[in-house]
Structure formats: C-alpha cells, structure tokens
C-alpha cells in the first residue's frame, strides 16, 4: 500500500502509476485520504458485478412449464389452535 500527498501525486504521476501496478495508491488531501489510484485490472475486479437474483434463478424454458396447483380448501384433519 502506497500513500502519497496530492502534491507528491502532482509532481510524480508516473511514480504513482508504477506504484499502482503493485497495489492501491492512497492520495491524501491535507493529511486525509481523498482518492485511490488502482490499476485497470484491480478496478475491473472490484467493479465486476455478479448475477442478479432474477438471473441466478433463471431457467431457460421455465415459462413454458404447465404448473397445476391443487386446491387446498378441503378438510385435512387439523384441529384449530386453542388459545384459551
């Protein structure tokens, strides 16, 4: 991890890019981190998004499946709860 002040970054941009090839470069402004310089490969790793929930559960052809749900209005022998 490399830390550079804004002034150092402005004076040695090439050095900052070289350092970013080894890991993140934290750039400070008045002593506080304000920016991070990353290589493109590292950025793409962080920015890569996984599938959405809908994409994860998607099944090709599922929209053509006939689904019959049985009627559950009958008496199944269950006793109602007694809360007395």
Protein backbone atom coordinates (compact mmCIF):
# COMPACT_ATOMS: atom_id res chain seq x y z
CA UNK A 1 0.00 0.00 0.00
CA UNK A 2 1.37 3.38 -1.02
CA UNK A 3 0.31 6.74 0.38
CA UNK A 4 1.04 9.99 -1.46
CA UNK A 5 0.03 13.56 -0.78
CA UNK A 6 -1.78 15.44 -3.55
CA UNK A 7 1.38 17.46 -4.08
CA UNK A 8 3.54 14.31 -4.43
CA UNK A 9 1.00 12.84 -6.84
CA UNK A 10 1.01 16.00 -9.00
CA UNK A 11 4.82 16.07 -9.06
CA UNK A 12 5.29 12.35 -9.79
CA UNK A 13 2.30 10.95 -11.66
CA UNK A 14 4.48 8.34 -13.37
CA UNK A 15 5.70 7.11 -9.99
CA UNK A 16 2.10 6.88 -8.77
CA UNK A 17 1.16 4.79 -11.82
CA UNK A 18 4.12 2.48 -11.22
CA UNK A 19 3.13 2.11 -7.57
CA UNK A 20 -0.49 1.37 -8.59
CA UNK A 21 0.72 -1.62 -10.60
CA UNK A 22 1.84 -3.11 -7.26
CA UNK A 23 -1.27 -2.17 -5.25
CA UNK A 24 -3.61 0.68 -4.39
CA UNK A 25 -2.17 4.18 -4.06
CA UNK A 26 -3.94 6.33 -1.47
CA UNK A 27 -3.78 10.03 -2.26
CA UNK A 28 -4.25 12.38 0.65
CA UNK A 29 -5.52 15.93 0.79
CA UNK A 30 -4.50 17.80 3.93
CA UNK A 31 -3.47 14.53 5.54
CA UNK A 32 -6.75 12.71 4.93
CA UNK A 33 -7.25 10.05 2.24
CA UNK A 34 -9.27 11.56 -0.61
CA UNK A 35 -8.64 9.33 -3.64
CA UNK A 36 -7.37 5.86 -4.52
CA UNK A 37 -5.44 5.06 -7.69
CA UNK A 38 -5.80 1.48 -8.96
CA UNK A 39 -4.58 -0.43 -11.98
CA UNK A 40 -7.32 -1.14 -14.52
CA UNK A 41 -7.19 -4.86 -13.70
CA UNK A 42 -7.77 -4.19 -9.99
CA UNK A 43 -10.57 -1.75 -10.77
CA UNK A 44 -12.33 -4.28 -13.02
CA UNK A 45 -12.11 -6.92 -10.28
CA UNK A 46 -13.81 -4.54 -7.85
CA UNK A 47 -16.38 -3.29 -10.36
CA UNK A 48 -17.38 -6.74 -11.60
CA UNK A 49 -20.95 -7.45 -10.65
CA UNK A 50 -22.38 -10.87 -10.10
CA UNK A 51 -25.68 -12.02 -11.49
CA UNK A 52 -28.91 -10.51 -10.20
CA UNK A 53 -31.29 -12.68 -8.20
CA UNK A 54 -33.51 -13.00 -11.25
CA UNK A 55 -30.55 -14.09 -13.40
CA UNK A 56 -29.39 -16.57 -10.76
CA UNK A 57 -32.79 -18.30 -10.68
CA UNK A 58 -33.48 -18.06 -14.40
CA UNK A 59 -34.11 -21.38 -16.08
CA UNK A 60 -34.41 -21.42 -19.88
CA UNK A 61 -37.82 -22.72 -20.94
CA UNK A 62 -39.36 -22.36 -17.47
CA UNK A 63 -42.02 -20.05 -18.88
CA UNK A 64 -43.40 -22.96 -20.92
CA UNK A 65 -43.93 -25.35 -17.97
CA UNK A 66 -47.57 -26.04 -17.12
CA UNK A 67 -47.93 -25.86 -13.35
CA UNK A 68 -51.11 -27.13 -11.74
CA UNK A 69 -51.57 -26.16 -8.11
CA UNK A 70 -54.06 -28.34 -6.22
CA UNK A 71 -57.00 -26.78 -4.41
CA UNK A 72 -56.30 -26.78 -0.66
CA UNK A 73 -59.79 -25.91 0.56
CA UNK A 74 -60.51 -29.42 1.89
CA UNK A 75 -60.53 -30.79 5.45
CA UNK A 76 -57.06 -32.09 6.27
CA UNK A 77 -57.90 -33.29 9.80
CA UNK A 78 -56.10 -30.44 11.55
CA UNK A 79 -57.56 -29.08 14.76
CA UNK A 80 -57.73 -25.31 15.16
CA UNK A 81 -55.34 -23.82 17.71
CA UNK A 82 -56.81 -23.37 21.22
CA UNK A 83 -55.58 -20.09 22.69
CA UNK A 84 -57.73 -20.20 25.85
